[in-house]
Amino acid sequence: MTQFKNLTDLMTLSIIAKFSDELARRVIKLYSGRDGIVLYPFLGSGTTAVAALREGRRYIGIEKEERYVLLARNNIKKAQMQTSLFDETPQVRTVYPCSAIGQSAAELQN
C-alpha cells in the first residue's frame, strides 16, 4: 500500500490520477440540466470544465494552485478551438486563480 508523507503528496496524486473526459461528461449529463452550472472545487487540469462546456453547461472551477490554473486555461482554450458536428459551440470564459477573488477585471488583465 502506498504511504503518503503529507497532504501535498496525496493532492499531487489526485491531480495525476485525473479521470477521463467521457466519465466527466456522463456525470454532468446525469446530474445537471441543459444550460446549468457545474461547480467543481478541484479544477486541476480542467477536464471537468471542458466536459461541462461540451455538454452545453457553464462551469465554475476552483483551484488554489496557480500552475494548475494555467494548465486548465490552456486545456479549456484548446477545447474551445476544437469543433464538432454534435457539440454546441462553447462560450469563451476566462479562468482566474482563486486568489483573484475581489479584484477588478482591469486588475486581473495585467
PDB file of N, CA and C in Angstrom:
ATOM      1  N   MET A   1       0.840  -1.185   0.000  1.00  0.00           N
ATOM      2  CA  MET A   1       0.000   0.000   0.000  1.00  0.00           C
ATOM      3  C   MET A   1       0.885   1.248   0.000  1.00  0.00           C
ATOM      4  N   THR A   2       0.507   2.264  -0.767  1.00  0.00           N
ATOM      5  CA  THR A   2       1.278   3.493  -0.863  1.00  0.00           C
ATOM      6  C   THR A   2       1.136   4.303   0.417  1.00  0.00           C
ATOM      7  N   GLN A   3       2.240   4.803   0.922  1.00  0.00           N
ATOM      8  CA  GLN A   3       2.241   5.658   2.108  1.00  0.00           C
ATOM      9  C   GLN A   3       2.442   7.101   1.668  1.00  0.00           C
ATOM     10  N   PHE A   4       1.644   7.988   2.219  1.00  0.00           N
ATOM     11  CA  PHE A   4       1.767   9.411   1.913  1.00  0.00           C
ATOM     12  C   PHE A   4       2.375  10.110   3.115  1.00  0.00           C
ATOM     13  N   LYS A   5       3.400  10.910   2.868  1.00  0.00           N
ATOM     14  CA  LYS A   5       4.083  11.614   3.955  1.00  0.00           C
ATOM     15  C   LYS A   5       3.303  12.827   4.422  1.00  0.00           C
ATOM     16  N   ASN A   6       2.569  13.430   3.508  1.00  0.00           N
ATOM     17  CA  ASN A   6       1.794  14.616   3.880  1.00  0.00           C
ATOM     18  C   ASN A   6       0.645  14.813   2.899  1.00  0.00           C
ATOM     19  N   LEU A   7      -0.164  15.807   3.171  1.00  0.00           N
ATOM     20  CA  LEU A   7      -1.337  16.082   2.344  1.00  0.00           C
ATOM     21  C   LEU A   7      -0.949  16.486   0.929  1.00  0.00           C
ATOM     22  N   THR A   8       0.182  17.147   0.766  1.00  0.00           N
ATOM     23  CA  THR A   8       0.624  17.566  -0.568  1.00  0.00           C
ATOM     24  C   THR A   8       0.859  16.362  -1.470  1.00  0.00           C
ATOM     25  N   ASP A   9       1.448  15.292  -0.911  1.00  0.00           N
ATOM     26  CA  ASP A   9       1.665  14.071  -1.697  1.00  0.00           C
ATOM     27  C   ASP A   9       0.342  13.509  -2.202  1.00  0.00           C
ATOM     28  N   LEU A  10      -0.642  13.494  -1.338  1.00  0.00           N
ATOM     29  CA  LEU A  10      -1.959  12.977  -1.703  1.00  0.00           C
ATOM     30  C   LEU A  10      -2.619  13.861  -2.754  1.00  0.00           C
ATOM     31  N   MET A  11      -2.502  15.173  -2.591  1.00  0.00           N
ATOM     32  CA  MET A  11      -3.105  16.103  -3.551  1.00  0.00           C
ATOM     33  C   MET A  11      -2.424  15.980  -4.911  1.00  0.00           C
ATOM     34  N   THR A  12      -1.114  15.783  -4.926  1.00  0.00           N
ATOM     35  CA  THR A  12      -0.388  15.617  -6.185  1.00  0.00           C
ATOM     36  C   THR A  12      -0.873  14.365  -6.903  1.00  0.00           C
ATOM     37  N   LEU A  13      -1.062  13.288  -6.174  1.00  0.00           N
ATOM     38  CA  LEU A  13      -1.571  12.059  -6.765  1.00  0.00           C
ATOM     39  C   LEU A  13      -2.961  12.280  -7.357  1.00  0.00           C
ATOM     40  N   SER A  14      -3.803  13.032  -6.673  1.00  0.00           N
ATOM     41  CA  SER A  14      -5.157  13.240  -7.179  1.00  0.00           C
ATOM     42  C   SER A  14      -5.158  14.008  -8.491  1.00  0.00           C
ATOM     43  N   ILE A  15      -4.197  14.907  -8.679  1.00  0.00           N
ATOM     44  CA  ILE A  15      -4.098  15.641  -9.945  1.00  0.00           C
ATOM     45  C   ILE A  15      -3.567  14.712 -11.033  1.00  0.00           C
ATOM     46  N   ILE A  16      -2.582  13.906 -10.698  1.00  0.00           N
ATOM     47  CA  ILE A  16      -2.001  12.983 -11.668  1.00  0.00           C
ATOM     48  C   ILE A  16      -3.037  11.948 -12.100  1.00  0.00           C
ATOM     49  N   ALA A  17      -3.870  11.516 -11.178  1.00  0.00           N
ATOM     50  CA  ALA A  17      -4.844  10.463 -11.446  1.00  0.00           C
ATOM     51  C   ALA A  17      -6.180  11.065 -11.882  1.00  0.00           C
ATOM     52  N   LYS A  18      -6.140  11.922 -12.883  1.00  0.00           N
ATOM     53  CA  LYS A  18      -7.385  12.536 -13.345  1.00  0.00           C
ATOM     54  C   LYS A  18      -8.246  11.508 -14.068  1.00  0.00           C
ATOM     55  N   PHE A  19      -9.537  11.768 -14.085  1.00  0.00           N
ATOM     56  CA  PHE A  19     -10.436  10.839 -14.750  1.00  0.00           C
ATOM     57  C   PHE A  19     -10.686  11.294 -16.181  1.00  0.00           C
ATOM     58  N   SER A  20     -11.299  10.428 -16.930  1.00  0.00           N
ATOM     59  CA  SER A  20     -11.475  10.681 -18.360  1.00  0.00           C
ATOM     60  C   SER A  20     -12.561  11.719 -18.628  1.00  0.00           C
ATOM     61  N   ASP A  21     -12.444  12.347 -19.782  1.00  0.00           N
ATOM     62  CA  ASP A  21     -13.444  13.304 -20.232  1.00  0.00           C
ATOM     63  C   ASP A  21     -14.811  12.632 -20.353  1.00  0.00           C
ATOM     64  N   GLU A  22     -14.832  11.407 -20.827  1.00  0.00           N
ATOM     65  CA  GLU A  22     -16.104  10.696 -21.005  1.00  0.00           C
ATOM     66  C   GLU A  22     -16.814  10.476 -19.667  1.00  0.00           C
ATOM     67  N   LEU A  23     -16.086  10.122 -18.637  1.00  0.00           N
ATOM     68  CA  LEU A  23     -16.693   9.937 -17.318  1.00  0.00           C
ATOM     69  C   LEU A  23     -17.271  11.252 -16.808  1.00  0.00           C
ATOM     70  N   ALA A  24     -16.515  12.329 -16.956  1.00  0.00           N
ATOM     71  CA  ALA A  24     -16.997  13.651 -16.536  1.00  0.00           C
ATOM     72  C   ALA A  24     -18.269  14.025 -17.299  1.00  0.00           C
ATOM     73  N   ARG A  25     -18.293  13.774 -18.602  1.00  0.00           N
ATOM     74  CA  ARG A  25     -19.473  14.105 -19.407  1.00  0.00           C
ATOM     75  C   ARG A  25     -20.703  13.315 -18.973  1.00  0.00           C
ATOM     76  N   ARG A  26     -20.515  12.044 -18.650  1.00  0.00           N
ATOM     77  CA  ARG A  26     -21.643  11.219 -18.211  1.00  0.00           C
ATOM     78  C   ARG A  26     -22.228  11.727 -16.901  1.00  0.00           C
ATOM     79  N   VAL A  27     -21.353  12.052 -15.967  1.00  0.00           N
ATOM     80  CA  VAL A  27     -21.823  12.551 -14.662  1.00  0.00           C
ATOM     81  C   VAL A  27     -22.519  13.896 -14.831  1.00  0.00           C
ATOM     82  N   ILE A  28     -21.952  14.763 -15.648  1.00  0.00           N
ATOM     83  CA  ILE A  28     -22.552  16.078 -15.884  1.00  0.00           C
ATOM     84  C   ILE A  28     -23.930  15.940 -16.528  1.00  0.00           C
ATOM     85  N   LYS A  29     -24.053  15.075 -17.523  1.00  0.00           N
ATOM     86  CA  LYS A  29     -25.354  14.869 -18.177  1.00  0.00           C
ATOM     87  C   LYS A  29     -26.386  14.304 -17.207  1.00  0.00           C
ATOM     88  N   LEU A  30     -25.936  13.423 -16.325  1.00  0.00           N
ATOM     89  CA  LEU A  30     -26.839  12.764 -15.391  1.00  0.00           C
ATOM     90  C   LEU A  30     -27.325  13.705 -14.293  1.00  0.00           C
ATOM     91  N   TYR A  31     -26.442  14.577 -13.791  1.00  0.00           N
ATOM     92  CA  TYR A  31     -26.771  15.365 -12.603  1.00  0.00           C
ATOM     93  C   TYR A  31     -26.975  16.854 -12.829  1.00  0.00           C
ATOM     94  N   SER A  32     -26.959  17.313 -14.082  1.00  0.00           N
ATOM     95  CA  SER A  32     -27.205  18.737 -14.315  1.00  0.00           C
ATOM     96  C   SER A  32     -28.082  18.919 -15.541  1.00  0.00           C
ATOM     97  N   GLY A  33     -28.827  20.000 -15.535  1.00  0.00           N
ATOM     98  CA  GLY A  33     -29.711  20.297 -16.658  1.00  0.00           C
ATOM     99  C   GLY A  33     -29.002  21.095 -17.728  1.00  0.00           C
ATOM    100  N   ARG A  34     -29.561  21.057 -18.920  1.00  0.00           N
ATOM    101  CA  ARG A  34     -29.037  21.852 -20.033  1.00  0.00           C
ATOM    102  C   ARG A  34     -29.011  23.310 -19.611  1.00  0.00           C
ATOM    103  N   ASP A  35     -27.983  24.037 -19.950  1.00  0.00           N
ATOM    104  CA  ASP A  35     -27.773  25.429 -19.558  1.00  0.00           C
ATOM    105  C   ASP A  35     -27.552  25.583 -18.056  1.00  0.00           C
ATOM    106  N   GLY A  36     -27.260  24.488 -17.362  1.00  0.00           N
ATOM    107  CA  GLY A  36     -26.976  24.542 -15.927  1.00  0.00           C
ATOM    108  C   GLY A  36     -25.548  24.986 -15.665  1.00  0.00           C
ATOM    109  N   ILE A  37     -25.224  25.083 -14.393  1.00  0.00           N
ATOM    110  CA  ILE A  37     -23.872  25.460 -13.976  1.00  0.00           C
ATOM    111  C   ILE A  37     -23.271  24.302 -13.195  1.00  0.00           C
ATOM    112  N   VAL A  38     -22.066  23.900 -13.582  1.00  0.00           N
ATOM    113  CA  VAL A  38     -21.342  22.837 -12.894  1.00  0.00           C
ATOM    114  C   VAL A  38     -20.300  23.490 -11.995  1.00  0.00           C
ATOM    115  N   LEU A  39     -20.369  23.216 -10.702  1.00  0.00           N
ATOM    116  CA  LEU A  39     -19.391  23.731  -9.747  1.00  0.00           C
ATOM    117  C   LEU A  39     -18.402  22.627  -9.439  1.00  0.00           C
ATOM    118  N   TYR A  40     -17.139  22.897  -9.699  1.00  0.00           N
ATOM    119  CA  TYR A  40     -16.115  21.888  -9.438  1.00  0.00           C
ATOM    120  C   TYR A  40     -15.012  22.530  -8.607  1.00  0.00           C
ATOM    121  N   PRO A  41     -14.895  22.156  -7.330  1.00  0.00           N
ATOM    122  CA  PRO A  41     -13.951  22.830  -6.434  1.00  0.00           C
ATOM    123  C   PRO A  41     -12.497  22.393  -6.589  1.00  0.00           C
ATOM    124  N   PHE A  42     -12.221  21.427  -7.453  1.00  0.00           N
ATOM    125  CA  PHE A  42     -10.851  20.951  -7.660  1.00  0.00           C
ATOM    126  C   PHE A  42     -10.570  20.933  -9.151  1.00  0.00           C
ATOM    127  N   LEU A  43     -10.389  22.099  -9.744  1.00  0.00           N
ATOM    128  CA  LEU A  43     -10.313  22.244 -11.197  1.00  0.00           C
ATOM    129  C   LEU A  43      -9.181  21.446 -11.823  1.00  0.00           C
ATOM    130  N   GLY A  44      -8.034  21.411 -11.178  1.00  0.00           N
ATOM    131  CA  GLY A  44      -6.921  20.629 -11.716  1.00  0.00           C
ATOM    132  C   GLY A  44      -6.592  21.019 -13.138  1.00  0.00           C
ATOM    133  N   SER A  45      -6.565  20.053 -14.032  1.00  0.00           N
ATOM    134  CA  SER A  45      -6.195  20.316 -15.424  1.00  0.00           C
ATOM    135  C   SER A  45      -7.368  20.798 -16.276  1.00  0.00           C
ATOM    136  N   GLY A  46      -8.558  20.878 -15.708  1.00  0.00           N
ATOM    137  CA  GLY A  46      -9.706  21.426 -16.424  1.00  0.00           C
ATOM    138  C   GLY A  46     -10.571  20.406 -17.128  1.00  0.00           C
ATOM    139  N   THR A  47     -10.372  19.119 -16.870  1.00  0.00           N
ATOM    140  CA  THR A  47     -11.150  18.074 -17.541  1.00  0.00           C
ATOM    141  C   THR A  47     -12.649  18.270 -17.352  1.00  0.00           C
ATOM    142  N   THR A  48     -13.065  18.561 -16.123  1.00  0.00           N
ATOM    143  CA  THR A  48     -14.494  18.733 -15.840  1.00  0.00           C
ATOM    144  C   THR A  48     -15.041  19.985 -16.506  1.00  0.00           C
ATOM    145  N   ALA A  49     -14.264  21.066 -16.540  1.00  0.00           N
ATOM    146  CA  ALA A  49     -14.705  22.295 -17.200  1.00  0.00           C
ATOM    147  C   ALA A  49     -14.899  22.061 -18.694  1.00  0.00           C
ATOM    148  N   VAL A  50     -13.971  21.353 -19.307  1.00  0.00           N
ATOM    149  CA  VAL A  50     -14.085  21.041 -20.739  1.00  0.00           C
ATOM    150  C   VAL A  50     -15.321  20.184 -20.995  1.00  0.00           C
ATOM    151  N   ALA A  51     -15.541  19.188 -20.149  1.00  0.00           N
ATOM    152  CA  ALA A  51     -16.718  18.323 -20.302  1.00  0.00           C
ATOM    153  C   ALA A  51     -18.008  19.131 -20.136  1.00  0.00           C
ATOM    154  N   ALA A  52     -18.022  20.043 -19.173  1.00  0.00           N
ATOM    155  CA  ALA A  52     -19.206  20.883 -18.960  1.00  0.00           C
ATOM    156  C   ALA A  52     -19.495  21.722 -20.205  1.00  0.00           C
ATOM    157  N   LEU A  53     -18.469  22.338 -20.764  1.00  0.00           N
ATOM    158  CA  LEU A  53     -18.653  23.147 -21.973  1.00  0.00           C
ATOM    159  C   LEU A  53     -19.182  22.303 -23.125  1.00  0.00           C
ATOM    160  N   ARG A  54     -18.638  21.111 -23.288  1.00  0.00           N
ATOM    161  CA  ARG A  54     -19.062  20.243 -24.392  1.00  0.00           C
ATOM    162  C   ARG A  54     -20.500  19.753 -24.224  1.00  0.00           C
ATOM    163  N   GLU A  55     -20.969  19.749 -22.990  1.00  0.00           N
ATOM    164  CA  GLU A  55     -22.352  19.331 -22.739  1.00  0.00           C
ATOM    165  C   GLU A  55     -23.305  20.517 -22.645  1.00  0.00           C
ATOM    166  N   GLY A  56     -22.817  21.714 -23.019  1.00  0.00           N
ATOM    167  CA  GLY A  56     -23.681  22.893 -23.048  1.00  0.00           C
ATOM    168  C   GLY A  56     -23.954  23.483 -21.679  1.00  0.00           C
ATOM    169  N   ARG A  57     -23.091  23.200 -20.717  1.00  0.00           N
ATOM    170  CA  ARG A  57     -23.243  23.757 -19.378  1.00  0.00           C
ATOM    171  C   ARG A  57     -22.192  24.829 -19.153  1.00  0.00           C
ATOM    172  N   ARG A  58     -22.488  25.716 -18.224  1.00  0.00           N
ATOM    173  CA  ARG A  58     -21.485  26.659 -17.763  1.00  0.00           C
ATOM    174  C   ARG A  58     -20.776  26.005 -16.586  1.00  0.00           C
ATOM    175  N   TYR A  59     -19.655  26.549 -16.184  1.00  0.00           N
ATOM    176  CA  TYR A  59     -18.919  25.941 -15.078  1.00  0.00           C
ATOM    177  C   TYR A  59     -18.286  27.002 -14.195  1.00  0.00           C
ATOM    178  N   ILE A  60     -18.076  26.629 -12.966  1.00  0.00           N
ATOM    179  CA  ILE A  60     -17.263  27.403 -12.040  1.00  0.00           C
ATOM    180  C   ILE A  60     -16.210  26.428 -11.526  1.00  0.00           C
ATOM    181  N   GLY A  61     -14.973  26.705 -11.826  1.00  0.00           N
ATOM    182  CA  GLY A  61     -13.881  25.843 -11.380  1.00  0.00           C
ATOM    183  C   GLY A  61     -13.034  26.572 -10.356  1.00  0.00           C
ATOM    184  N   ILE A  62     -12.713  25.903  -9.283  1.00  0.00           N
ATOM    185  CA  ILE A  62     -11.910  26.497  -8.216  1.00  0.00           C
ATOM    186  C   ILE A  62     -10.607  25.714  -8.095  1.00  0.00           C
ATOM    187  N   GLU A  63      -9.509  26.430  -8.097  1.00  0.00           N
ATOM    188  CA  GLU A  63      -8.204  25.790  -7.969  1.00  0.00           C
ATOM    189  C   GLU A  63      -7.278  26.732  -7.222  1.00  0.00           C
ATOM    190  N   LYS A  64      -6.586  26.224  -6.213  1.00  0.00           N
ATOM    191  CA  LYS A  64      -5.696  27.088  -5.433  1.00  0.00           C
ATOM    192  C   LYS A  64      -4.278  27.150  -5.984  1.00  0.00           C
ATOM    193  N   GLU A  65      -3.873  26.160  -6.765  1.00  0.00           N
ATOM    194  CA  GLU A  65      -2.516  26.124  -7.314  1.00  0.00           C
ATOM    195  C   GLU A  65      -2.469  26.833  -8.665  1.00  0.00           C
ATOM    196  N   GLU A  66      -1.688  27.886  -8.738  1.00  0.00           N
ATOM    197  CA  GLU A  66      -1.636  28.679  -9.971  1.00  0.00           C
ATOM    198  C   GLU A  66      -1.167  27.858 -11.166  1.00  0.00           C
ATOM    199  N   ARG A  67      -0.247  26.912 -10.947  1.00  0.00           N
ATOM    200  CA  ARG A  67       0.248  26.110 -12.076  1.00  0.00           C
ATOM    201  C   ARG A  67      -0.877  25.290 -12.706  1.00  0.00           C
ATOM    202  N   TYR A  68      -1.833  24.837 -11.891  1.00  0.00           N
ATOM    203  CA  TYR A  68      -2.961  24.094 -12.445  1.00  0.00           C
ATOM    204  C   TYR A  68      -3.983  25.015 -13.081  1.00  0.00           C
ATOM    205  N   VAL A  69      -4.073  26.248 -12.588  1.00  0.00           N
ATOM    206  CA  VAL A  69      -4.949  27.235 -13.237  1.00  0.00           C
ATOM    207  C   VAL A  69      -4.451  27.484 -14.654  1.00  0.00           C
ATOM    208  N   LEU A  70      -3.138  27.635 -14.795  1.00  0.00           N
ATOM    209  CA  LEU A  70      -2.557  27.855 -16.130  1.00  0.00           C
ATOM    210  C   LEU A  70      -2.788  26.647 -17.037  1.00  0.00           C
ATOM    211  N   LEU A  71      -2.621  25.451 -16.486  1.00  0.00           N
ATOM    212  CA  LEU A  71      -2.856  24.228 -17.255  1.00  0.00           C
ATOM    213  C   LEU A  71      -4.322  24.136 -17.679  1.00  0.00           C
ATOM    214  N   ALA A  72      -5.230  24.428 -16.748  1.00  0.00           N
ATOM    215  CA  ALA A  72      -6.663  24.379 -17.059  1.00  0.00           C
ATOM    216  C   ALA A  72      -7.019  25.393 -18.136  1.00  0.00           C
ATOM    217  N   ARG A  73      -6.497  26.607 -18.015  1.00  0.00           N
ATOM    218  CA  ARG A  73      -6.758  27.638 -19.038  1.00  0.00           C
ATOM    219  C   ARG A  73      -6.352  27.129 -20.418  1.00  0.00           C
ATOM    220  N   ASN A  74      -5.178  26.541 -20.493  1.00  0.00           N
ATOM    221  CA  ASN A  74      -4.666  26.040 -21.763  1.00  0.00           C
ATOM    222  C   ASN A  74      -5.566  24.930 -22.312  1.00  0.00           C
ATOM    223  N   ASN A  75      -5.936  23.985 -21.469  1.00  0.00           N
ATOM    224  CA  ASN A  75      -6.790  22.875 -21.909  1.00  0.00           C
ATOM    225  C   ASN A  75      -8.177  23.354 -22.321  1.00  0.00           C
ATOM    226  N   ILE A  76      -8.728  24.316 -21.591  1.00  0.00           N
ATOM    227  CA  ILE A  76     -10.049  24.855 -21.932  1.00  0.00           C
ATOM    228  C   ILE A  76      -9.975  25.614 -23.257  1.00  0.00           C
ATOM    229  N   LYS A  77      -8.916  26.390 -23.427  1.00  0.00           N
ATOM    230  CA  LYS A  77      -8.749  27.139 -24.677  1.00  0.00           C
ATOM    231  C   LYS A  77      -8.639  26.194 -25.873  1.00  0.00           C
ATOM    232  N   LYS A  78      -7.865  25.115 -25.713  1.00  0.00           N
ATOM    233  CA  LYS A  78      -7.741  24.120 -26.790  1.00  0.00           C
ATOM    234  C   LYS A  78      -9.096  23.508 -27.117  1.00  0.00           C
ATOM    235  N   ALA A  79      -9.847  23.174 -26.093  1.00  0.00           N
ATOM    236  CA  ALA A  79     -11.162  22.558 -26.304  1.00  0.00           C
ATOM    237  C   ALA A  79     -12.114  23.520 -26.995  1.00  0.00           C
ATOM    238  N   GLN A  80     -12.020  24.797 -26.683  1.00  0.00           N
ATOM    239  CA  GLN A  80     -12.896  25.788 -27.312  1.00  0.00           C
ATOM    240  C   GLN A  80     -12.564  25.979 -28.781  1.00  0.00           C
ATOM    241  N   MET A  81     -11.319  25.720 -29.149  1.00  0.00           N
ATOM    242  CA  MET A  81     -10.910  25.874 -30.547  1.00  0.00           C
ATOM    243  C   MET A  81     -11.339  24.685 -31.395  1.00  0.00           C
ATOM    244  N   GLN A  82     -11.558  23.537 -30.757  1.00  0.00           N
ATOM    245  CA  GLN A  82     -12.000  22.349 -31.478  1.00  0.00           C
ATOM    246  C   GLN A  82     -13.511  22.407 -31.640  1.00  0.00           C
ATOM    247  N   THR A  83     -13.959  22.006 -32.802  1.00  0.00           N
ATOM    248  CA  THR A  83     -15.402  21.983 -33.029  1.00  0.00           C
ATOM    249  C   THR A  83     -15.832  20.568 -33.398  1.00  0.00           C
ATOM    250  N   SER A  84     -17.089  20.322 -33.177  1.00  0.00           N
ATOM    251  CA  SER A  84     -17.669  19.029 -33.508  1.00  0.00           C
ATOM    252  C   SER A  84     -19.038  19.272 -34.114  1.00  0.00           C
ATOM    253  N   LEU A  85     -19.480  18.358 -34.934  1.00  0.00           N
ATOM    254  CA  LEU A  85     -20.819  18.482 -35.505  1.00  0.00           C
ATOM    255  C   LEU A  85     -21.894  18.372 -34.437  1.00  0.00           C
ATOM    256  N   PHE A  86     -21.570  17.706 -33.327  1.00  0.00           N
ATOM    257  CA  PHE A  86     -22.580  17.411 -32.323  1.00  0.00           C
ATOM    258  C   PHE A  86     -22.460  18.246 -31.065  1.00  0.00           C
ATOM    259  N   ASP A  87     -21.321  18.872 -30.824  1.00  0.00           N
ATOM    260  CA  ASP A  87     -21.143  19.707 -29.643  1.00  0.00           C
ATOM    261  C   ASP A  87     -21.599  21.120 -29.951  1.00  0.00           C
ATOM    262  N   GLU A  88     -22.193  21.776 -28.946  1.00  0.00           N
ATOM    263  CA  GLU A  88     -22.516  23.183 -29.100  1.00  0.00           C
ATOM    264  C   GLU A  88     -21.226  23.980 -29.044  1.00  0.00           C
ATOM    265  N   THR A  89     -21.221  25.137 -29.674  1.00  0.00           N
ATOM    266  CA  THR A  89     -20.051  25.989 -29.612  1.00  0.00           C
ATOM    267  C   THR A  89     -20.001  26.628 -28.236  1.00  0.00           C
ATOM    268  N   PRO A  90     -18.961  26.344 -27.449  1.00  0.00           N
ATOM    269  CA  PRO A  90     -18.897  26.896 -26.105  1.00  0.00           C
ATOM    270  C   PRO A  90     -18.567  28.377 -26.118  1.00  0.00           C
ATOM    271  N   GLN A  91     -19.054  29.093 -25.119  1.00  0.00           N
ATOM    272  CA  GLN A  91     -18.726  30.497 -24.977  1.00  0.00           C
ATOM    273  C   GLN A  91     -17.347  30.608 -24.350  1.00  0.00           C
ATOM    274  N   VAL A  92     -16.648  31.683 -24.689  1.00  0.00           N
ATOM    275  CA  VAL A  92     -15.308  31.897 -24.157  1.00  0.00           C
ATOM    276  C   VAL A  92     -15.414  32.357 -22.712  1.00  0.00           C
ATOM    277  N   ARG A  93     -14.617  31.736 -21.851  1.00  0.00           N
ATOM    278  CA  ARG A  93     -14.566  32.103 -20.437  1.00  0.00           C
ATOM    279  C   ARG A  93     -13.106  32.216 -20.031  1.00  0.00           C
ATOM    280  N   THR A  94     -12.860  33.016 -19.027  1.00  0.00           N
ATOM    281  CA  THR A  94     -11.501  33.169 -18.521  1.00  0.00           C
ATOM    282  C   THR A  94     -11.421  32.532 -17.150  1.00  0.00           C
ATOM    283  N   VAL A  95     -10.352  31.795 -16.895  1.00  0.00           N
ATOM    284  CA  VAL A  95     -10.139  31.138 -15.614  1.00  0.00           C
ATOM    285  C   VAL A  95      -9.112  31.944 -14.839  1.00  0.00           C
ATOM    286  N   TYR A  96      -9.457  32.302 -13.621  1.00  0.00           N
ATOM    287  CA  TYR A  96      -8.553  33.038 -12.744  1.00  0.00           C
ATOM    288  C   TYR A  96      -8.253  32.203 -11.507  1.00  0.00           C
ATOM    289  N   PRO A  97      -7.060  32.375 -10.916  1.00  0.00           N
ATOM    290  CA  PRO A  97      -6.773  31.669  -9.657  1.00  0.00           C
ATOM    291  C   PRO A  97      -7.684  32.191  -8.552  1.00  0.00           C
ATOM    292  N   CYS A  98      -7.980  31.354  -7.555  1.00  0.00           N
ATOM    293  CA  CYS A  98      -8.909  31.779  -6.512  1.00  0.00           C
ATOM    294  C   CYS A  98      -8.356  32.948  -5.703  1.00  0.00           C
ATOM    295  N   SER A  99      -7.070  33.219  -5.770  1.00  0.00           N
ATOM    296  CA  SER A  99      -6.512  34.384  -5.078  1.00  0.00           C
ATOM    297  C   SER A  99      -6.978  35.687  -5.727  1.00  0.00           C
ATOM    298  N   ALA A 100      -7.603  35.599  -6.897  1.00  0.00           N
ATOM    299  CA  ALA A 100      -8.063  36.783  -7.621  1.00  0.00           C
ATOM    300  C   ALA A 100      -9.419  37.263  -7.153  1.00  0.00           C
ATOM    301  N   ILE A 101     -10.058  36.541  -6.247  1.00  0.00           N
ATOM    302  CA  ILE A 101     -11.385  36.934  -5.769  1.00  0.00           C
ATOM    303  C   ILE A 101     -11.297  38.312  -5.145  1.00  0.00           C
ATOM    304  N   GLY A 102     -12.197  39.188  -5.548  1.00  0.00           N
ATOM    305  CA  GLY A 102     -12.236  40.535  -5.020  1.00  0.00           C
ATOM    306  C   GLY A 102     -11.471  41.538  -5.854  1.00  0.00           C
ATOM    307  N   GLN A 103     -10.741  41.104  -6.854  1.00  0.00           N
ATOM    308  CA  GLN A 103     -10.013  42.029  -7.714  1.00  0.00           C
ATOM    309  C   GLN A 103     -10.899  42.424  -8.890  1.00  0.00           C
ATOM    310  N   SER A 104     -10.668  43.615  -9.396  1.00  0.00           N
ATOM    311  CA  SER A 104     -11.452  44.085 -10.534  1.00  0.00           C
ATOM    312  C   SER A 104     -10.956  43.418 -11.809  1.00  0.00           C
ATOM    313  N   ALA A 105     -11.787  43.446 -12.849  1.00  0.00           N
ATOM    314  CA  ALA A 105     -11.425  42.850 -14.136  1.00  0.00           C
ATOM    315  C   ALA A 105     -10.164  43.512 -14.701  1.00  0.00           C
ATOM    316  N   ALA A 106     -10.026  44.835 -14.518  1.00  0.00           N
ATOM    317  CA  ALA A 106      -8.855  45.556 -15.029  1.00  0.00           C
ATOM    318  C   ALA A 106      -7.578  45.066 -14.338  1.00  0.00           C
ATOM    319  N   GLU A 107      -7.661  44.824 -13.028  1.00  0.00           N
ATOM    320  CA  GLU A 107      -6.502  44.341 -12.283  1.00  0.00           C
ATOM    321  C   GLU A 107      -6.089  42.958 -12.757  1.00  0.00           C
ATOM    322  N   LEU A 108      -7.073  42.112 -13.080  1.00  0.00           N
ATOM    323  CA  LEU A 108      -6.790  40.744 -13.487  1.00  0.00           C
ATOM    324  C   LEU A 108      -6.177  40.657 -14.876  1.00  0.00           C
ATOM    325  N   GLN A 109      -6.431  41.630 -15.730  1.00  0.00           N
ATOM    326  CA  GLN A 109      -5.921  41.583 -17.086  1.00  0.00           C
ATOM    327  C   GLN A 109      -4.421  41.883 -17.135  1.00  0.00           C
ATOM    328  N   ASN A 110      -3.886  42.474 -16.084  1.00  0.00           N
ATOM    329  CA  ASN A 110      -2.453  42.822 -16.064  1.00  0.00           C
ATOM    330  C   ASN A 110      -1.607  41.668 -15.651  1.00  0.00           C
TER     331      ASN A 110
END
